[in-house]
Protein backbone atom coordinates (compact mmCIF):
# COMPACT_ATOMS: atom_id res chain seq x y z
CA MET A 1 119.34 73.56 55.62
CA SER A 2 115.56 73.79 55.75
CA THR A 3 113.38 73.42 52.67
CA ARG A 4 112.19 76.99 52.92
CA ARG A 5 115.73 78.28 52.97
CA ARG A 6 116.63 76.14 49.98
CA LEU A 7 113.72 77.53 48.02
CA SER A 8 114.82 81.10 48.82
CA VAL A 9 118.39 80.42 47.57
CA LEU A 10 117.05 78.77 44.40
CA LEU A 11 114.75 81.71 43.68
CA LEU A 12 117.67 84.11 44.13
CA LEU A 13 119.81 82.15 41.62
CA VAL A 14 117.01 82.09 39.05
CA THR A 15 116.58 85.87 39.40
CA LEU A 16 120.32 86.47 38.90
CA VAL A 17 120.42 84.26 35.79
CA ALA A 18 117.42 86.07 34.30
CA ALA A 19 118.99 89.47 34.94
CA VAL A 20 122.26 88.44 33.27
CA SER A 21 120.40 87.02 30.27
CA ALA A 22 118.34 90.20 29.88
CA THR A 23 121.45 92.35 30.01
CA THR A 24 123.19 90.24 27.35
CA ALA A 25 120.14 90.31 25.04
CA THR A 26 119.76 94.05 25.43
CA ALA A 27 123.35 94.68 24.41
CA ALA A 28 123.18 92.39 21.35
CA THR A 29 119.67 93.12 20.01
CA PRO A 30 118.41 96.61 19.00
CA ARG A 31 115.16 97.68 20.58
CA ASP A 32 112.19 99.60 19.26
CA PRO A 33 111.85 102.59 21.60
CA ALA A 34 108.33 103.30 20.33
CA ALA A 35 107.07 99.77 20.97
CA PRO A 36 104.58 99.23 23.84
CA CYS A 37 107.24 97.14 25.54
CA PHE A 38 110.56 98.93 25.54
CA SER A 39 112.40 95.62 25.51
CA CYS A 40 110.74 94.38 22.28
CA PRO A 41 113.37 93.78 19.56
CA ALA A 42 113.44 96.25 16.61
CA VAL A 43 112.94 93.92 13.67
CA ASP A 44 113.03 95.24 10.06
CA TYR A 45 112.72 92.21 7.79
CA ASP A 46 113.00 94.05 4.45
CA GLN A 47 115.49 96.64 5.77
CA ASP A 48 113.50 99.58 4.47
CA GLY A 49 113.94 101.59 7.69
CA VAL A 50 110.41 100.87 9.02
CA PHE A 51 110.06 98.37 11.90
CA ASP A 52 107.98 95.29 11.13
CA ARG A 53 105.41 96.07 13.80
CA VAL A 54 104.25 99.10 11.73
CA ASP A 55 105.45 97.95 8.27
CA TYR A 56 102.42 97.23 6.06
CA CYS A 57 104.66 96.16 3.18
CA ASN A 58 107.37 93.94 4.64
CA ASN A 59 108.83 92.78 1.32
CA THR A 60 109.91 96.14 -0.13
CA PRO A 61 112.57 95.68 -2.88
CA LYS A 62 116.05 96.90 -2.03
CA GLY A 63 116.63 100.55 -2.91
CA CYS A 64 112.98 101.64 -3.03
CA LEU A 65 111.90 104.70 -1.09
CA VAL A 66 109.04 104.07 1.32
CA ASP A 67 106.44 106.07 3.22
CA ALA A 68 105.73 106.02 6.96
CA THR A 69 103.89 102.67 6.64
CA GLY A 70 106.83 100.97 4.92
CA CYS A 71 105.22 100.88 1.47
CA GLN A 72 107.17 101.98 -1.60
CA THR A 73 106.33 105.29 -3.29
CA ASP A 74 105.93 105.89 -7.03
CA ALA A 75 105.56 109.61 -7.75
CA ASP A 76 104.93 109.34 -11.51
CA GLY A 77 102.79 106.17 -11.24
CA ASP A 78 104.75 104.22 -13.86
CA GLY A 79 105.08 101.04 -11.75
CA VAL A 80 108.75 101.54 -10.87
CA CYS A 81 109.33 102.70 -7.31
CA ASP A 82 111.06 105.94 -6.41
CA GLY A 83 114.68 105.22 -5.66
CA LEU A 84 115.00 102.76 -8.57
CA ASP A 85 113.19 104.99 -11.09
CA GLN A 86 115.82 106.73 -13.26
CA CYS A 87 113.16 108.77 -15.10
CA ALA A 88 110.99 110.14 -12.34
CA ASP A 89 108.73 112.30 -14.53
CA THR A 90 107.37 109.74 -17.00
CA PRO A 91 104.20 111.02 -18.79
CA LYS A 92 101.02 109.23 -17.74
CA GLY A 93 100.21 106.11 -19.74
CA GLU A 94 103.63 105.53 -21.31
CA LYS A 95 105.19 102.09 -20.94
CA VAL A 96 108.54 101.98 -19.19
CA ASN A 97 111.48 99.63 -18.86
CA LYS A 98 112.75 98.14 -15.62
CA VAL A 99 114.43 101.39 -14.59
CA GLY A 100 111.29 103.47 -15.16
CA CYS A 101 112.15 105.11 -18.51
CA SER A 102 109.77 105.29 -21.48
CA ALA A 103 110.76 105.21 -25.15
CA SER A 104 110.19 108.95 -25.52
CA GLN A 105 112.41 109.72 -22.53
CA LEU A 106 115.16 107.46 -23.85
CA ALA A 107 114.92 109.15 -27.27
CA VAL A 108 115.41 112.57 -25.70
CA ALA A 109 118.34 111.30 -23.66
CA THR A 110 120.09 109.97 -26.78
CA VAL A 111 119.65 113.13 -28.87
CA PRO A 112 123.12 114.61 -29.28
CA ALA A 113 123.65 118.02 -27.82
CA THR A 114 123.19 120.90 -30.23
CA PRO A 115 126.63 121.95 -31.40
CA PRO A 116 127.58 125.52 -30.62
CA PRO A 117 126.91 127.98 -33.41
CA PRO A 118 129.85 128.83 -35.65
CA PRO A 119 131.69 131.99 -34.78
CA PRO A 120 130.31 135.06 -36.52
CA ALA A 121 131.88 135.85 -39.82
CA GLN A 122 134.52 138.49 -39.53
CA GLU A 123 133.73 141.67 -41.36
CA ILE A 124 136.15 142.20 -44.17
CA GLN A 125 137.38 145.73 -44.12
CA ARG A 126 137.31 147.37 -47.50
CA PRO A 127 140.58 148.93 -48.47
CA VAL A 128 140.23 152.63 -47.96
CA THR A 129 140.93 154.29 -51.25
CA PRO A 130 141.81 157.94 -50.91
CA PRO A 131 138.96 160.00 -52.34
CA PRO A 132 139.68 162.54 -55.00
CA ALA A 133 140.71 165.97 -53.87
CA ALA A 134 137.88 168.37 -53.13
CA THR A 135 136.95 170.52 -56.06
CA PRO A 136 134.49 173.38 -56.36
CA ALA A 137 130.90 172.22 -56.25
CA GLN A 138 129.34 171.75 -59.65
CA SER A 139 125.73 170.75 -58.91
CA GLU A 140 122.68 171.92 -57.04
CA VAL A 141 123.17 169.07 -54.54
CA GLU A 142 126.75 170.15 -53.83
CA LYS A 143 125.63 173.73 -53.55
CA GLN A 144 122.98 172.73 -51.02
CA LEU A 145 125.56 170.75 -49.01
CA VAL A 146 128.16 173.51 -48.89
CA GLU A 147 125.74 176.34 -48.17
CA THR A 148 123.42 174.60 -45.67
CA GLY A 149 125.29 171.51 -44.45
CA ASN A 150 122.37 169.33 -45.61
CA ILE A 151 121.18 167.53 -48.69
CA VAL A 152 117.40 167.08 -48.71
CA LEU A 153 116.24 164.31 -51.05
CA ARG A 154 112.51 164.11 -51.68
CA ASP A 155 112.83 162.15 -54.90
CA VAL A 156 114.23 158.95 -53.34
CA TYR A 157 111.54 156.30 -53.73
CA PHE A 158 110.84 153.02 -51.91
CA GLU A 159 108.28 150.27 -52.22
CA THR A 160 105.15 151.12 -50.24
CA SER A 161 105.61 150.40 -46.50
CA LYS A 162 109.00 148.79 -47.25
CA ALA A 163 112.67 149.78 -47.29
CA THR A 164 113.33 148.50 -50.83
CA LEU A 165 114.81 151.21 -53.04
CA LEU A 166 113.17 151.68 -56.45
CA PRO A 167 115.45 151.97 -59.50
CA GLU A 168 114.39 155.57 -60.23
CA SER A 169 116.14 156.63 -56.99
CA ALA A 170 119.62 155.76 -58.27
CA ALA A 171 120.31 158.97 -60.18
CA ARG A 172 119.50 161.22 -57.24
CA LEU A 173 121.49 159.09 -54.78
CA ASP A 174 124.47 159.03 -57.17
CA GLU A 175 124.45 162.81 -57.31
CA ALA A 176 124.36 163.07 -53.52
CA GLY A 177 127.05 160.41 -53.09
CA ALA A 178 129.36 162.17 -55.51
CA ALA A 179 128.95 165.37 -53.50
CA ILE A 180 129.82 163.99 -50.08
CA GLU A 181 132.61 161.78 -51.51
CA LYS A 182 134.65 164.91 -52.18
CA PHE A 183 135.06 165.67 -48.46
CA ALA A 184 137.03 162.85 -46.86
CA ASP A 185 136.62 164.06 -43.27
CA LEU A 186 132.92 164.84 -43.53
CA LYS A 187 130.66 162.89 -41.16
CA VAL A 188 127.12 162.42 -42.41
CA GLU A 189 123.91 161.32 -40.72
CA VAL A 190 121.53 159.67 -43.17
CA GLN A 191 118.09 160.61 -41.84
CA GLY A 192 114.85 158.85 -42.73
CA HIS A 193 111.56 160.75 -42.40
CA THR A 194 107.95 159.68 -43.04
CA ASP A 195 104.59 161.43 -43.19
CA SER A 196 102.12 161.10 -40.33
CA ARG A 197 99.95 158.38 -41.82
CA GLY A 198 100.10 155.07 -39.94
CA ALA A 199 101.26 154.24 -36.42
CA ALA A 200 104.13 156.31 -35.05
CA LYS A 201 106.11 153.23 -33.96
CA PHE A 202 105.77 151.65 -37.40
CA ASN A 203 106.84 154.89 -39.08
CA GLU A 204 109.90 155.15 -36.85
CA LYS A 205 110.93 151.57 -37.64
CA LEU A 206 110.27 152.05 -41.36
CA SER A 207 112.27 155.29 -41.51
CA GLN A 208 115.21 153.58 -39.74
CA ALA A 209 115.20 150.73 -42.27
CA ARG A 210 115.06 153.17 -45.18
CA ALA A 211 117.89 155.29 -43.76
CA GLU A 212 120.04 152.16 -43.42
CA MET A 213 119.25 151.14 -46.99
CA VAL A 214 120.40 154.54 -48.31
CA ARG A 215 123.55 154.31 -46.20
CA GLU A 216 124.35 150.87 -47.65
CA TYR A 217 123.80 152.18 -51.18
CA LEU A 218 126.18 155.10 -50.66
CA LEU A 219 128.89 152.92 -49.11
CA ALA A 220 128.60 150.38 -51.91
CA HIS A 221 128.87 152.95 -54.73
CA PHE A 222 131.26 155.61 -53.41
CA HIS A 223 134.60 155.87 -51.63
CA LEU A 224 133.23 156.72 -48.20
CA ASN A 225 134.54 155.87 -44.76
CA ALA A 226 131.87 153.64 -43.17
CA ASP A 227 132.74 155.04 -39.74
CA ASN A 228 131.74 158.52 -40.94
CA VAL A 229 128.27 157.59 -42.23
CA PHE A 230 125.42 156.92 -39.80
CA ALA A 231 121.76 156.02 -40.26
CA LYS A 232 118.92 157.35 -38.10
CA GLY A 233 115.15 157.03 -38.56
CA TYR A 234 112.99 159.86 -37.20
CA GLY A 235 109.62 158.61 -38.40
CA GLU A 236 107.03 161.37 -38.24
CA SER A 237 108.70 163.28 -35.38
CA GLN A 238 110.15 166.03 -37.61
CA LEU A 239 107.44 166.90 -40.10
CA ALA A 240 108.44 169.55 -42.63
CA VAL A 241 104.77 170.40 -43.21
CA SER A 242 102.22 170.25 -40.41
CA PRO A 243 99.35 169.79 -40.45
CA GLU A 244 99.27 167.78 -43.68
CA LYS A 245 96.28 168.77 -45.80
CA SER A 246 97.12 167.44 -49.25
CA ALA A 247 99.04 164.78 -51.14
CA ASP A 248 101.80 167.35 -51.73
CA ASP A 249 102.11 167.89 -47.99
CA TYR A 250 102.53 164.15 -47.41
CA ALA A 251 105.12 163.98 -50.19
CA MET A 252 107.09 166.88 -48.65
CA ASN A 253 107.34 164.99 -45.36
CA ARG A 254 108.53 161.72 -46.97
CA ARG A 255 112.19 162.51 -47.43
CA VAL A 256 115.79 161.45 -46.89
CA VAL A 257 118.20 164.02 -45.48
CA LEU A 258 121.99 163.79 -45.55
CA LYS A 259 123.02 165.99 -42.63
CA ALA A 260 126.63 167.07 -42.10
CA ILE A 261 127.52 166.38 -38.47
CA ASN A 262 130.75 168.39 -38.71
CA PRO A 263 129.94 171.07 -41.29
CA GLU A 264 133.07 172.98 -40.31
CA VAL A 265 135.10 170.70 -42.63
CA LEU A 266 133.16 171.99 -45.64
CA PRO A 267 134.82 174.77 -47.62
CA ARG A 268 133.30 178.19 -47.08
CA ASP A 269 135.16 180.02 -49.82
CA VAL A 270 134.12 177.79 -52.69
CA THR A 271 132.44 179.45 -55.62
CA ILE A 272 129.42 177.40 -56.65
CA LYS A 273 129.25 177.00 -60.37
CA GLU A 274 125.97 175.99 -61.95
CA LYS A 275 126.04 173.16 -64.46
CA GLN A 276 125.33 173.93 -68.05
CA GLY A 277 121.65 173.53 -68.84
CA LYS A 278 120.50 173.88 -65.23
């Protein structure tokens, strides 16, 4: 065999060996498809998901999140990388432990949960004592109730701009309570009314509070069914005198009215007897 022919055979063998070696290496070693040379191996020394050829931080700790250049991120700037930081919103300037938590964050985490509020106290129903049988009205208040279905009280007094009853109101309220107590089925709306001085919203709220206070007084002192007594504040919306031109006009508008919601239960054939000395 000539020398030239031998050289050709040798060159062919070398080419075959190189091709087999390249095939074996390609199957065993991952490649970086974005590398200038498609056959370059895809090496990631710190295993952060960024190939070494573009990794500017090739010693990233295990578990840290990295950016496109392979460098760890730290969103709150506390020195503990994202991924290992268990308190990712540390306030600026606070010192943290190895897992990225400051003393204030640990204190919040150890505060026991607020226990649920206790269940609301159950309302104790008062025993309903049968009221005394209805008898003929014996007072001006009872007369007003039977004849008109209303009791208008202008001499019920409260502290200024408050719903606190003054002691001098007790006698008048006791007279009214005794009147409505005689009619077990009577439903009554306790109405609060103010004069027009002050803001309308404030007057409405104040009249509601005062109506509720009168309702509580009546329920506490007389045998009344709580389900039959309601409180409603009307503020200055139902002035008895308008326009108000004097102190007497204002006084006429400041009143409490006990209005019968079902006046049909009131007796219509009762003879009203005036009290002695009236």
